[in-house]
Amino acid sequence: MPKNLEVKVNSILERNKRVESDKAWETSKARRLVLAVATYVVVWFFLIVINAPNPELAALVPAGAFLLQQYSLPFLKDWWVEKVHKAKPVKKC
Protein backbone atom coordinates (compact mmCIF):
# COMPACT_ATOMS: atom_id res chain seq x y z
CA MET A 1 0.00 0.00 0.00
CA PRO A 2 1.43 3.41 -0.92
CA LYS A 3 2.44 5.59 2.02
CA ASN A 4 -0.05 8.35 1.12
CA LEU A 5 -2.96 5.91 0.96
CA GLU A 6 -1.95 4.36 4.29
CA VAL A 7 -1.91 7.81 5.92
CA LYS A 8 -5.38 8.56 4.54
CA VAL A 9 -6.77 5.23 5.77
CA ASN A 10 -5.29 5.78 9.24
CA SER A 11 -6.75 9.29 9.28
CA ILE A 12 -10.21 7.91 8.44
CA LEU A 13 -9.91 5.22 11.12
CA GLU A 14 -8.94 7.82 13.74
CA ARG A 15 -11.85 10.03 12.69
CA ASN A 16 -14.23 7.09 13.00
CA LYS A 17 -13.00 6.45 16.55
CA ARG A 18 -13.63 10.10 17.47
CA VAL A 19 -17.11 10.02 15.92
CA GLU A 20 -17.97 6.80 17.78
CA SER A 21 -16.77 8.31 21.06
CA ASP A 22 -18.78 11.49 20.47
CA LYS A 23 -21.89 9.46 19.67
CA ALA A 24 -21.41 7.31 22.77
CA TRP A 25 -21.19 10.45 24.93
CA GLU A 26 -24.22 12.07 23.26
CA THR A 27 -26.39 9.04 24.01
CA SER A 28 -24.96 8.19 27.43
CA LYS A 29 -26.86 8.26 30.70
CA ALA A 30 -23.84 9.97 32.27
CA ARG A 31 -24.28 12.98 29.95
CA ARG A 32 -27.98 13.17 30.77
CA LEU A 33 -27.24 13.07 34.48
CA VAL A 34 -24.52 15.73 34.25
CA LEU A 35 -26.85 18.05 32.32
CA ALA A 36 -29.73 17.46 34.74
CA VAL A 37 -27.52 18.22 37.75
CA ALA A 38 -26.10 21.31 36.03
CA THR A 39 -29.65 22.46 35.22
CA TYR A 40 -30.67 21.95 38.84
CA VAL A 41 -27.69 23.90 40.20
CA VAL A 42 -28.12 26.84 37.80
CA VAL A 43 -31.87 27.10 38.44
CA TRP A 44 -31.42 26.65 42.19
CA PHE A 45 -28.86 29.47 42.25
CA PHE A 46 -31.13 31.73 40.19
CA LEU A 47 -34.07 31.02 42.50
CA ILE A 48 -31.94 31.89 45.52
CA VAL A 49 -30.84 35.15 43.88
CA ILE A 50 -34.44 36.19 43.22
CA ASN A 51 -35.43 35.06 46.72
CA ALA A 52 -38.03 32.54 45.50
CA PRO A 53 -39.72 30.28 48.03
CA ASN A 54 -38.47 26.67 48.26
CA PRO A 55 -35.64 26.98 45.70
CA GLU A 56 -34.42 23.41 46.39
CA LEU A 57 -37.80 21.96 45.48
CA ALA A 58 -38.60 24.39 42.67
CA ALA A 59 -35.28 23.68 40.94
CA LEU A 60 -36.31 20.03 40.58
CA VAL A 61 -39.00 20.97 38.04
CA PRO A 62 -36.75 22.02 35.13
CA ALA A 63 -34.18 19.32 35.91
CA GLY A 64 -36.94 16.71 35.98
CA ALA A 65 -38.47 18.11 32.80
CA PHE A 66 -35.09 17.83 31.10
CA LEU A 67 -34.77 14.17 32.08
CA LEU A 68 -38.35 13.42 31.02
CA GLN A 69 -37.71 15.04 27.67
CA GLN A 70 -34.45 13.14 27.19
CA TYR A 71 -36.04 9.77 27.91
CA SER A 72 -39.18 10.40 25.84
CA LEU A 73 -37.40 11.68 22.73
CA PRO A 74 -36.18 8.27 21.50
CA PHE A 75 -39.78 7.00 21.49
CA LEU A 76 -41.00 10.10 19.71
CA LYS A 77 -38.17 9.89 17.20
CA ASP A 78 -38.96 6.24 16.43
CA TRP A 79 -42.63 7.11 15.95
CA TRP A 80 -41.76 10.06 13.70
CA VAL A 81 -39.38 8.01 11.55
CA GLU A 82 -41.96 5.23 11.18
CA LYS A 83 -45.06 7.34 10.57
CA VAL A 84 -43.86 10.58 9.00
CA HIS A 85 -40.42 10.23 7.48
CA LYS A 86 -40.96 6.86 5.78
CA ALA A 87 -44.26 8.08 4.37
CA LYS A 88 -42.56 10.85 2.40
CA PRO A 89 -41.64 9.96 -1.17
CA VAL A 90 -37.94 9.87 -1.96
CA LYS A 91 -36.86 12.73 -4.19
CA LYS A 92 -34.86 11.67 -7.21
CA CYS A 93 -32.17 13.94 -8.58
PDB file of N, CA and C in Angstrom:
ATOM      1  N   MET A   1       0.853  -1.171   0.000  1.00  0.00           N
ATOM      2  CA  MET A   1       0.000   0.000   0.000  1.00  0.00           C
ATOM      3  C   MET A   1       0.903   1.240   0.000  1.00  0.00           C
ATOM      4  N   PRO A   2       0.621   2.194  -0.899  1.00  0.00           N
ATOM      5  CA  PRO A   2       1.427   3.412  -0.917  1.00  0.00           C
ATOM      6  C   PRO A   2       1.304   4.180   0.391  1.00  0.00           C
ATOM      7  N   LYS A   3       2.370   4.862   0.743  1.00  0.00           N
ATOM      8  CA  LYS A   3       2.441   5.594   2.016  1.00  0.00           C
ATOM      9  C   LYS A   3       1.294   6.601   2.153  1.00  0.00           C
ATOM     10  N   ASN A   4       1.002   7.341   1.084  1.00  0.00           N
ATOM     11  CA  ASN A   4      -0.050   8.353   1.117  1.00  0.00           C
ATOM     12  C   ASN A   4      -1.418   7.712   1.386  1.00  0.00           C
ATOM     13  N   LEU A   5      -1.686   6.612   0.773  1.00  0.00           N
ATOM     14  CA  LEU A   5      -2.957   5.906   0.965  1.00  0.00           C
ATOM     15  C   LEU A   5      -3.063   5.378   2.394  1.00  0.00           C
ATOM     16  N   GLU A   6      -1.962   4.870   2.913  1.00  0.00           N
ATOM     17  CA  GLU A   6      -1.945   4.362   4.287  1.00  0.00           C
ATOM     18  C   GLU A   6      -2.238   5.490   5.290  1.00  0.00           C
ATOM     19  N   VAL A   7      -1.669   6.656   5.054  1.00  0.00           N
ATOM     20  CA  VAL A   7      -1.910   7.810   5.924  1.00  0.00           C
ATOM     21  C   VAL A   7      -3.386   8.203   5.874  1.00  0.00           C
ATOM     22  N   LYS A   8      -3.964   8.200   4.682  1.00  0.00           N
ATOM     23  CA  LYS A   8      -5.377   8.556   4.539  1.00  0.00           C
ATOM     24  C   LYS A   8      -6.280   7.551   5.253  1.00  0.00           C
ATOM     25  N   VAL A   9      -5.975   6.271   5.114  1.00  0.00           N
ATOM     26  CA  VAL A   9      -6.775   5.226   5.771  1.00  0.00           C
ATOM     27  C   VAL A   9      -6.675   5.373   7.291  1.00  0.00           C
ATOM     28  N   ASN A  10      -5.471   5.587   7.799  1.00  0.00           N
ATOM     29  CA  ASN A  10      -5.290   5.780   9.237  1.00  0.00           C
ATOM     30  C   ASN A  10      -6.029   7.019   9.728  1.00  0.00           C
ATOM     31  N   SER A  11      -6.035   8.069   8.935  1.00  0.00           N
ATOM     32  CA  SER A  11      -6.753   9.290   9.284  1.00  0.00           C
ATOM     33  C   SER A  11      -8.257   9.016   9.369  1.00  0.00           C
ATOM     34  N   ILE A  12      -8.779   8.265   8.444  1.00  0.00           N
ATOM     35  CA  ILE A  12     -10.207   7.915   8.441  1.00  0.00           C
ATOM     36  C   ILE A  12     -10.538   7.042   9.645  1.00  0.00           C
ATOM     37  N   LEU A  13      -9.678   6.092   9.970  1.00  0.00           N
ATOM     38  CA  LEU A  13      -9.912   5.221  11.121  1.00  0.00           C
ATOM     39  C   LEU A  13      -9.899   6.024  12.424  1.00  0.00           C
ATOM     40  N   GLU A  14      -8.989   6.970  12.555  1.00  0.00           N
ATOM     41  CA  GLU A  14      -8.939   7.823  13.742  1.00  0.00           C
ATOM     42  C   GLU A  14     -10.191   8.689  13.843  1.00  0.00           C
ATOM     43  N   ARG A  15     -10.625   9.222  12.711  1.00  0.00           N
ATOM     44  CA  ARG A  15     -11.851  10.028  12.693  1.00  0.00           C
ATOM     45  C   ARG A  15     -13.045   9.183  13.122  1.00  0.00           C
ATOM     46  N   ASN A  16     -13.126   7.973  12.631  1.00  0.00           N
ATOM     47  CA  ASN A  16     -14.229   7.087  12.998  1.00  0.00           C
ATOM     48  C   ASN A  16     -14.254   6.815  14.502  1.00  0.00           C
ATOM     49  N   LYS A  17     -13.071   6.652  15.101  1.00  0.00           N
ATOM     50  CA  LYS A  17     -12.997   6.451  16.553  1.00  0.00           C
ATOM     51  C   LYS A  17     -13.535   7.670  17.294  1.00  0.00           C
ATOM     52  N   ARG A  18     -13.149   8.872  16.830  1.00  0.00           N
ATOM     53  CA  ARG A  18     -13.633  10.098  17.466  1.00  0.00           C
ATOM     54  C   ARG A  18     -15.151  10.230  17.331  1.00  0.00           C
ATOM     55  N   VAL A  19     -15.667   9.927  16.154  1.00  0.00           N
ATOM     56  CA  VAL A  19     -17.109  10.024  15.922  1.00  0.00           C
ATOM     57  C   VAL A  19     -17.856   9.026  16.798  1.00  0.00           C
ATOM     58  N   GLU A  20     -17.339   7.815  16.916  1.00  0.00           N
ATOM     59  CA  GLU A  20     -17.970   6.802  17.775  1.00  0.00           C
ATOM     60  C   GLU A  20     -17.957   7.240  19.232  1.00  0.00           C
ATOM     61  N   SER A  21     -16.855   7.820  19.675  1.00  0.00           N
ATOM     62  CA  SER A  21     -16.775   8.313  21.056  1.00  0.00           C
ATOM     63  C   SER A  21     -17.760   9.450  21.292  1.00  0.00           C
ATOM     64  N   ASP A  22     -17.837  10.377  20.351  1.00  0.00           N
ATOM     65  CA  ASP A  22     -18.781  11.492  20.466  1.00  0.00           C
ATOM     66  C   ASP A  22     -20.217  10.983  20.519  1.00  0.00           C
ATOM     67  N   LYS A  23     -20.542  10.023  19.682  1.00  0.00           N
ATOM     68  CA  LYS A  23     -21.892   9.462  19.669  1.00  0.00           C
ATOM     69  C   LYS A  23     -22.191   8.738  20.984  1.00  0.00           C
ATOM     70  N   ALA A  24     -21.220   8.009  21.498  1.00  0.00           N
ATOM     71  CA  ALA A  24     -21.409   7.305  22.772  1.00  0.00           C
ATOM     72  C   ALA A  24     -21.684   8.308  23.891  1.00  0.00           C
ATOM     73  N   TRP A  25     -20.967   9.433  23.913  1.00  0.00           N
ATOM     74  CA  TRP A  25     -21.190  10.451  24.931  1.00  0.00           C
ATOM     75  C   TRP A  25     -22.573  11.086  24.754  1.00  0.00           C
ATOM     76  N   GLU A  26     -22.934  11.420  23.528  1.00  0.00           N
ATOM     77  CA  GLU A  26     -24.220  12.074  23.261  1.00  0.00           C
ATOM     78  C   GLU A  26     -25.402  11.225  23.705  1.00  0.00           C
ATOM     79  N   THR A  27     -25.274   9.922  23.652  1.00  0.00           N
ATOM     80  CA  THR A  27     -26.388   9.038  24.007  1.00  0.00           C
ATOM     81  C   THR A  27     -26.236   8.424  25.396  1.00  0.00           C
ATOM     82  N   SER A  28     -25.216   8.825  26.143  1.00  0.00           N
ATOM     83  CA  SER A  28     -24.955   8.187  27.433  1.00  0.00           C
ATOM     84  C   SER A  28     -25.854   8.718  28.547  1.00  0.00           C
ATOM     85  N   LYS A  29     -26.110   7.859  29.506  1.00  0.00           N
ATOM     86  CA  LYS A  29     -26.862   8.258  30.697  1.00  0.00           C
ATOM     87  C   LYS A  29     -26.031   9.211  31.552  1.00  0.00           C
ATOM     88  N   ALA A  30     -24.725   9.071  31.508  1.00  0.00           N
ATOM     89  CA  ALA A  30     -23.845   9.968  32.271  1.00  0.00           C
ATOM     90  C   ALA A  30     -24.018  11.408  31.801  1.00  0.00           C
ATOM     91  N   ARG A  31     -24.090  11.624  30.495  1.00  0.00           N
ATOM     92  CA  ARG A  31     -24.282  12.975  29.952  1.00  0.00           C
ATOM     93  C   ARG A  31     -25.618  13.536  30.408  1.00  0.00           C
ATOM     94  N   ARG A  32     -26.658  12.730  30.343  1.00  0.00           N
ATOM     95  CA  ARG A  32     -27.980  13.172  30.766  1.00  0.00           C
ATOM     96  C   ARG A  32     -27.966  13.575  32.242  1.00  0.00           C
ATOM     97  N   LEU A  33     -27.311  12.776  33.055  1.00  0.00           N
ATOM     98  CA  LEU A  33     -27.241  13.069  34.484  1.00  0.00           C
ATOM     99  C   LEU A  33     -26.452  14.351  34.746  1.00  0.00           C
ATOM    100  N   VAL A  34     -25.330  14.516  34.087  1.00  0.00           N
ATOM    101  CA  VAL A  34     -24.519  15.727  34.253  1.00  0.00           C
ATOM    102  C   VAL A  34     -25.328  16.962  33.868  1.00  0.00           C
ATOM    103  N   LEU A  35     -26.053  16.903  32.758  1.00  0.00           N
ATOM    104  CA  LEU A  35     -26.848  18.048  32.324  1.00  0.00           C
ATOM    105  C   LEU A  35     -28.017  18.322  33.269  1.00  0.00           C
ATOM    106  N   ALA A  36     -28.635  17.269  33.789  1.00  0.00           N
ATOM    107  CA  ALA A  36     -29.735  17.457  34.740  1.00  0.00           C
ATOM    108  C   ALA A  36     -29.227  18.099  36.028  1.00  0.00           C
ATOM    109  N   VAL A  37     -28.090  17.637  36.518  1.00  0.00           N
ATOM    110  CA  VAL A  37     -27.517  18.218  37.746  1.00  0.00           C
ATOM    111  C   VAL A  37     -27.103  19.672  37.489  1.00  0.00           C
ATOM    112  N   ALA A  38     -26.496  19.934  36.357  1.00  0.00           N
ATOM    113  CA  ALA A  38     -26.100  21.307  36.028  1.00  0.00           C
ATOM    114  C   ALA A  38     -27.333  22.205  35.923  1.00  0.00           C
ATOM    115  N   THR A  39     -28.399  21.699  35.318  1.00  0.00           N
ATOM    116  CA  THR A  39     -29.647  22.460  35.219  1.00  0.00           C
ATOM    117  C   THR A  39     -30.181  22.768  36.609  1.00  0.00           C
ATOM    118  N   TYR A  40     -30.189  21.755  37.475  1.00  0.00           N
ATOM    119  CA  TYR A  40     -30.673  21.947  38.840  1.00  0.00           C
ATOM    120  C   TYR A  40     -29.865  23.029  39.560  1.00  0.00           C
ATOM    121  N   VAL A  41     -28.553  22.954  39.491  1.00  0.00           N
ATOM    122  CA  VAL A  41     -27.689  23.900  40.200  1.00  0.00           C
ATOM    123  C   VAL A  41     -27.895  25.327  39.685  1.00  0.00           C
ATOM    124  N   VAL A  42     -27.949  25.496  38.373  1.00  0.00           N
ATOM    125  CA  VAL A  42     -28.124  26.840  37.804  1.00  0.00           C
ATOM    126  C   VAL A  42     -29.483  27.415  38.204  1.00  0.00           C
ATOM    127  N   VAL A  43     -30.536  26.615  38.080  1.00  0.00           N
ATOM    128  CA  VAL A  43     -31.869  27.105  38.435  1.00  0.00           C
ATOM    129  C   VAL A  43     -31.966  27.363  39.934  1.00  0.00           C
ATOM    130  N   TRP A  44     -31.416  26.463  40.736  1.00  0.00           N
ATOM    131  CA  TRP A  44     -31.419  26.646  42.193  1.00  0.00           C
ATOM    132  C   TRP A  44     -30.738  27.957  42.574  1.00  0.00           C
ATOM    133  N   PHE A  45     -29.576  28.228  41.972  1.00  0.00           N
ATOM    134  CA  PHE A  45     -28.858  29.471  42.250  1.00  0.00           C
ATOM    135  C   PHE A  45     -29.693  30.687  41.846  1.00  0.00           C
ATOM    136  N   PHE A  46     -30.292  30.631  40.658  1.00  0.00           N
ATOM    137  CA  PHE A  46     -31.128  31.727  40.190  1.00  0.00           C
ATOM    138  C   PHE A  46     -32.305  31.959  41.143  1.00  0.00           C
ATOM    139  N   LEU A  47     -32.935  30.890  41.591  1.00  0.00           N
ATOM    140  CA  LEU A  47     -34.073  31.022  42.503  1.00  0.00           C
ATOM    141  C   LEU A  47     -33.656  31.619  43.846  1.00  0.00           C
ATOM    142  N   ILE A  48     -32.459  31.292  44.296  1.00  0.00           N
ATOM    143  CA  ILE A  48     -31.945  31.895  45.524  1.00  0.00           C
ATOM    144  C   ILE A  48     -31.703  33.390  45.320  1.00  0.00           C
ATOM    145  N   VAL A  49     -31.127  33.736  44.180  1.00  0.00           N
ATOM    146  CA  VAL A  49     -30.836  35.146  43.884  1.00  0.00           C
ATOM    147  C   VAL A  49     -32.121  35.969  43.857  1.00  0.00           C
ATOM    148  N   ILE A  50     -33.187  35.427  43.290  1.00  0.00           N
ATOM    149  CA  ILE A  50     -34.439  36.195  43.219  1.00  0.00           C
ATOM    150  C   ILE A  50     -35.302  35.992  44.462  1.00  0.00           C
ATOM    151  N   ASN A  51     -34.753  35.266  45.442  1.00  0.00           N
ATOM    152  CA  ASN A  51     -35.428  35.056  46.724  1.00  0.00           C
ATOM    153  C   ASN A  51     -36.778  34.342  46.574  1.00  0.00           C
ATOM    154  N   ALA A  52     -36.805  33.325  45.712  1.00  0.00           N
ATOM    155  CA  ALA A  52     -38.026  32.538  45.495  1.00  0.00           C
ATOM    156  C   ALA A  52     -38.227  31.571  46.658  1.00  0.00           C
ATOM    157  N   PRO A  53     -39.475  31.245  46.959  1.00  0.00           N
ATOM    158  CA  PRO A  53     -39.722  30.277  48.035  1.00  0.00           C
ATOM    159  C   PRO A  53     -39.353  28.858  47.585  1.00  0.00           C
ATOM    160  N   ASN A  54     -38.835  28.080  48.497  1.00  0.00           N
ATOM    161  CA  ASN A  54     -38.472  26.671  48.256  1.00  0.00           C
ATOM    162  C   ASN A  54     -37.609  26.458  47.008  1.00  0.00           C
ATOM    163  N   PRO A  55     -36.462  27.122  46.912  1.00  0.00           N
ATOM    164  CA  PRO A  55     -35.644  26.977  45.698  1.00  0.00           C
ATOM    165  C   PRO A  55     -35.152  25.548  45.460  1.00  0.00           C
ATOM    166  N   GLU A  56     -34.897  24.795  46.557  1.00  0.00           N
ATOM    167  CA  GLU A  56     -34.419  23.413  46.393  1.00  0.00           C
ATOM    168  C   GLU A  56     -35.461  22.556  45.700  1.00  0.00           C
ATOM    169  N   LEU A  57     -36.716  22.736  46.080  1.00  0.00           N
ATOM    170  CA  LEU A  57     -37.799  21.964  45.479  1.00  0.00           C
ATOM    171  C   LEU A  57     -38.149  22.481  44.088  1.00  0.00           C
ATOM    172  N   ALA A  58     -38.224  23.790  43.948  1.00  0.00           N
ATOM    173  CA  ALA A  58     -38.599  24.386  42.669  1.00  0.00           C
ATOM    174  C   ALA A  58     -37.577  24.079  41.574  1.00  0.00           C
ATOM    175  N   ALA A  59     -36.321  23.958  41.930  1.00  0.00           N
ATOM    176  CA  ALA A  59     -35.280  23.677  40.937  1.00  0.00           C
ATOM    177  C   ALA A  59     -35.389  22.261  40.386  1.00  0.00           C
ATOM    178  N   LEU A  60     -36.109  21.396  41.079  1.00  0.00           N
ATOM    179  CA  LEU A  60     -36.307  20.032  40.577  1.00  0.00           C
ATOM    180  C   LEU A  60     -37.180  20.003  39.323  1.00  0.00           C
ATOM    181  N   VAL A  61     -38.062  20.984  39.171  1.00  0.00           N
ATOM    182  CA  VAL A  61     -39.003  20.975  38.042  1.00  0.00           C
ATOM    183  C   VAL A  61     -38.270  21.026  36.698  1.00  0.00           C
ATOM    184  N   PRO A  62     -37.422  22.016  36.430  1.00  0.00           N
ATOM    185  CA  PRO A  62     -36.752  22.021  35.125  1.00  0.00           C
ATOM    186  C   PRO A  62     -35.777  20.859  34.947  1.00  0.00           C
ATOM    187  N   ALA A  63     -35.108  20.459  36.027  1.00  0.00           N
ATOM    188  CA  ALA A  63     -34.179  19.323  35.914  1.00  0.00           C
ATOM    189  C   ALA A  63     -34.955  18.047  35.596  1.00  0.00           C
ATOM    190  N   GLY A  64     -36.089  17.867  36.263  1.00  0.00           N
ATOM    191  CA  GLY A  64     -36.940  16.706  35.983  1.00  0.00           C
ATOM    192  C   GLY A  64     -37.525  16.754  34.582  1.00  0.00           C
ATOM    193  N   ALA A  65     -37.936  17.951  34.155  1.00  0.00           N
ATOM    194  CA  ALA A  65     -38.475  18.108  32.797  1.00  0.00           C
ATOM    195  C   ALA A  65     -37.408  17.765  31.758  1.00  0.00           C
ATOM    196  N   PHE A  66     -36.180  18.174  32.014  1.00  0.00           N
ATOM    197  CA  PHE A  66     -35.086  17.831  31.100  1.00  0.00           C
ATOM    198  C   PHE A  66     -34.941  16.313  30.977  1.00  0.00           C
ATOM    199  N   LEU A  67     -34.915  15.624  32.123  1.00  0.00           N
ATOM    200  CA  LEU A  67     -34.769  14.165  32.081  1.00  0.00           C
ATOM    201  C   LEU A  67     -35.956  13.497  31.393  1.00  0.00           C
ATOM    202  N   LEU A  68     -37.153  13.964  31.670  1.00  0.00           N
ATOM    203  CA  LEU A  68     -38.345  13.416  31.023  1.00  0.00           C
ATOM    204  C   LEU A  68     -38.264  13.595  29.512  1.00  0.00           C
ATOM    205  N   GLN A  69     -37.854  14.770  29.100  1.00  0.00           N
ATOM    206  CA  GLN A  69     -37.708  15.040  27.666  1.00  0.00           C
ATOM    207  C   GLN A  69     -36.645  14.140  27.044  1.00  0.00           C
ATOM    208  N   GLN A  70     -35.530  13.967  27.721  1.00  0.00           N
ATOM    209  CA  GLN A  70     -34.448  13.144  27.192  1.00  0.00           C
ATOM    210  C   GLN A  70     -34.863  11.679  27.028  1.00  0.00           C
ATOM    211  N   TYR A  71     -35.654  11.173  27.972  1.00  0.00           N
ATOM    212  CA  TYR A  71     -36.040   9.770  27.905  1.00  0.00           C
ATOM    213  C   TYR A  71     -37.252   9.535  27.029  1.00  0.00           C
ATOM    214  N   SER A  72     -38.025  10.587  26.718  1.00  0.00           N
ATOM    215  CA  SER A  72     -39.179  10.403  25.836  1.00  0.00           C
ATOM    216  C   SER A  72     -38.817  10.637  24.378  1.00  0.00           C
ATOM    217  N   LEU A  73     -37.766  11.387  24.115  1.00  0.00           N
ATOM    218  CA  LEU A  73     -37.404  11.682  22.727  1.00  0.00           C
ATOM    219  C   LEU A  73     -37.118  10.449  21.875  1.00  0.00           C
ATOM    220  N   PRO A  74     -36.418   9.431  22.359  1.00  0.00           N
ATOM    221  CA  PRO A  74     -36.183   8.270  21.496  1.00  0.00           C
ATOM    222  C   PRO A  74     -37.493   7.621  21.020  1.00  0.00           C
ATOM    223  N   PHE A  75     -38.496   7.575  21.887  1.00  0.00           N
ATOM    224  CA  PHE A  75     -39.776   6.997  21.489  1.00  0.00           C
ATOM    225  C   PHE A  75     -40.457   7.871  20.442  1.00  0.00           C
ATOM    226  N   LEU A  76     -40.403   9.185  20.664  1.00  0.00           N
ATOM    227  CA  LEU A  76     -41.004  10.100  19.707  1.00  0.00           C
ATOM    228  C   LEU A  76     -40.263  10.073  18.377  1.00  0.00           C
ATOM    229  N   LYS A  77     -38.957   9.961  18.425  1.00  0.00           N
ATOM    230  CA  LYS A  77     -38.166   9.886  17.199  1.00  0.00           C
ATOM    231  C   LYS A  77     -38.520   8.625  16.419  1.00  0.00           C
ATOM    232  N   ASP A  78     -38.598   7.494  17.107  1.00  0.00           N
ATOM    233  CA  ASP A  78     -38.962   6.239  16.435  1.00  0.00           C
ATOM    234  C   ASP A  78     -40.337   6.351  15.788  1.00  0.00           C
ATOM    235  N   TRP A  79     -41.285   6.946  16.503  1.00  0.00           N
ATOM    236  CA  TRP A  79     -42.633   7.114  15.954  1.00  0.00           C
ATOM    237  C   TRP A  79     -42.577   8.006  14.723  1.00  0.00           C
ATOM    238  N   TRP A  80     -41.842   9.122  14.810  1.00  0.00           N
ATOM    239  CA  TRP A  80     -41.759  10.059  13.696  1.00  0.00           C
ATOM    240  C   TRP A  80     -41.133   9.412  12.469  1.00  0.00           C
ATOM    241  N   VAL A  81     -40.045   8.674  12.675  1.00  0.00           N
ATOM    242  CA  VAL A  81     -39.376   8.012  11.554  1.00  0.00           C
ATOM    243  C   VAL A  81     -40.329   7.011  10.895  1.00  0.00           C
ATOM    244  N   GLU A  82     -41.046   6.249  11.713  1.00  0.00           N
ATOM    245  CA  GLU A  82     -41.956   5.229  11.184  1.00  0.00           C
ATOM    246  C   GLU A  82     -43.159   5.830  10.473  1.00  0.00           C
ATOM    247  N   LYS A  83     -43.784   6.824  11.094  1.00  0.00           N
ATOM    248  CA  LYS A  83     -45.056   7.344  10.568  1.00  0.00           C
ATOM    249  C   LYS A  83     -44.902   8.499   9.589  1.00  0.00           C
ATOM    250  N   VAL A  84     -43.951   9.357   9.805  1.00  0.00           N
ATOM    251  CA  VAL A  84     -43.858  10.576   9.003  1.00  0.00           C
ATOM    252  C   VAL A  84     -42.762  10.482   7.950  1.00  0.00           C
ATOM    253  N   HIS A  85     -41.556  10.202   8.402  1.00  0.00           N
ATOM    254  CA  HIS A  85     -40.418  10.232   7.485  1.00  0.00           C
ATOM    255  C   HIS A  85     -40.515   9.163   6.399  1.00  0.00           C
ATOM    256  N   LYS A  86     -40.864   7.945   6.764  1.00  0.00           N
ATOM    257  CA  LYS A  86     -40.955   6.861   5.777  1.00  0.00           C
ATOM    258  C   LYS A  86     -42.124   7.054   4.827  1.00  0.00           C
ATOM    259  N   ALA A  87     -43.109   7.842   5.225  1.00  0.00           N
ATOM    260  CA  ALA A  87     -44.262   8.084   4.375  1.00  0.00           C
ATOM    261  C   ALA A  87     -43.967   9.079   3.262  1.00  0.00           C
ATOM    262  N   LYS A  88     -42.906   9.848   3.422  1.00  0.00           N
ATOM    263  CA  LYS A  88     -42.555  10.846   2.402  1.00  0.00           C
ATOM    264  C   LYS A  88     -41.906  10.155   1.199  1.00  0.00           C
ATOM    265  N   PRO A  89     -42.288  10.547   0.002  1.00  0.00           N
ATOM    266  CA  PRO A  89     -41.636   9.964  -1.173  1.00  0.00           C
ATOM    267  C   PRO A  89     -40.189  10.419  -1.284  1.00  0.00           C
ATOM    268  N   VAL A  90     -39.357   9.550  -1.784  1.00  0.00           N
ATOM    269  CA  VAL A  90     -37.944   9.872  -1.960  1.00  0.00           C
ATOM    270  C   VAL A  90     -37.781  10.711  -3.209  1.00  0.00           C
ATOM    271  N   LYS A  91     -37.101  11.840  -3.038  1.00  0.00           N
ATOM    272  CA  LYS A  91     -36.863  12.727  -4.189  1.00  0.00           C
ATOM    273  C   LYS A  91     -35.714  12.184  -5.020  1.00  0.00           C
ATOM    274  N   LYS A  92     -35.914  12.130  -6.301  1.00  0.00           N
ATOM    275  CA  LYS A  92     -34.861  11.673  -7.212  1.00  0.00           C
ATOM    276  C   LYS A  92     -34.219  12.872  -7.862  1.00  0.00           C
ATOM    277  N   CYS A  93     -32.903  12.824  -7.987  1.00  0.00           N
ATOM    278  CA  CYS A  93     -32.168  13.942  -8.579  1.00  0.00           C
ATOM    279  C   CYS A  93     -32.217  13.878 -10.079  1.00  0.00           C
TER     280      CYS A  93
END
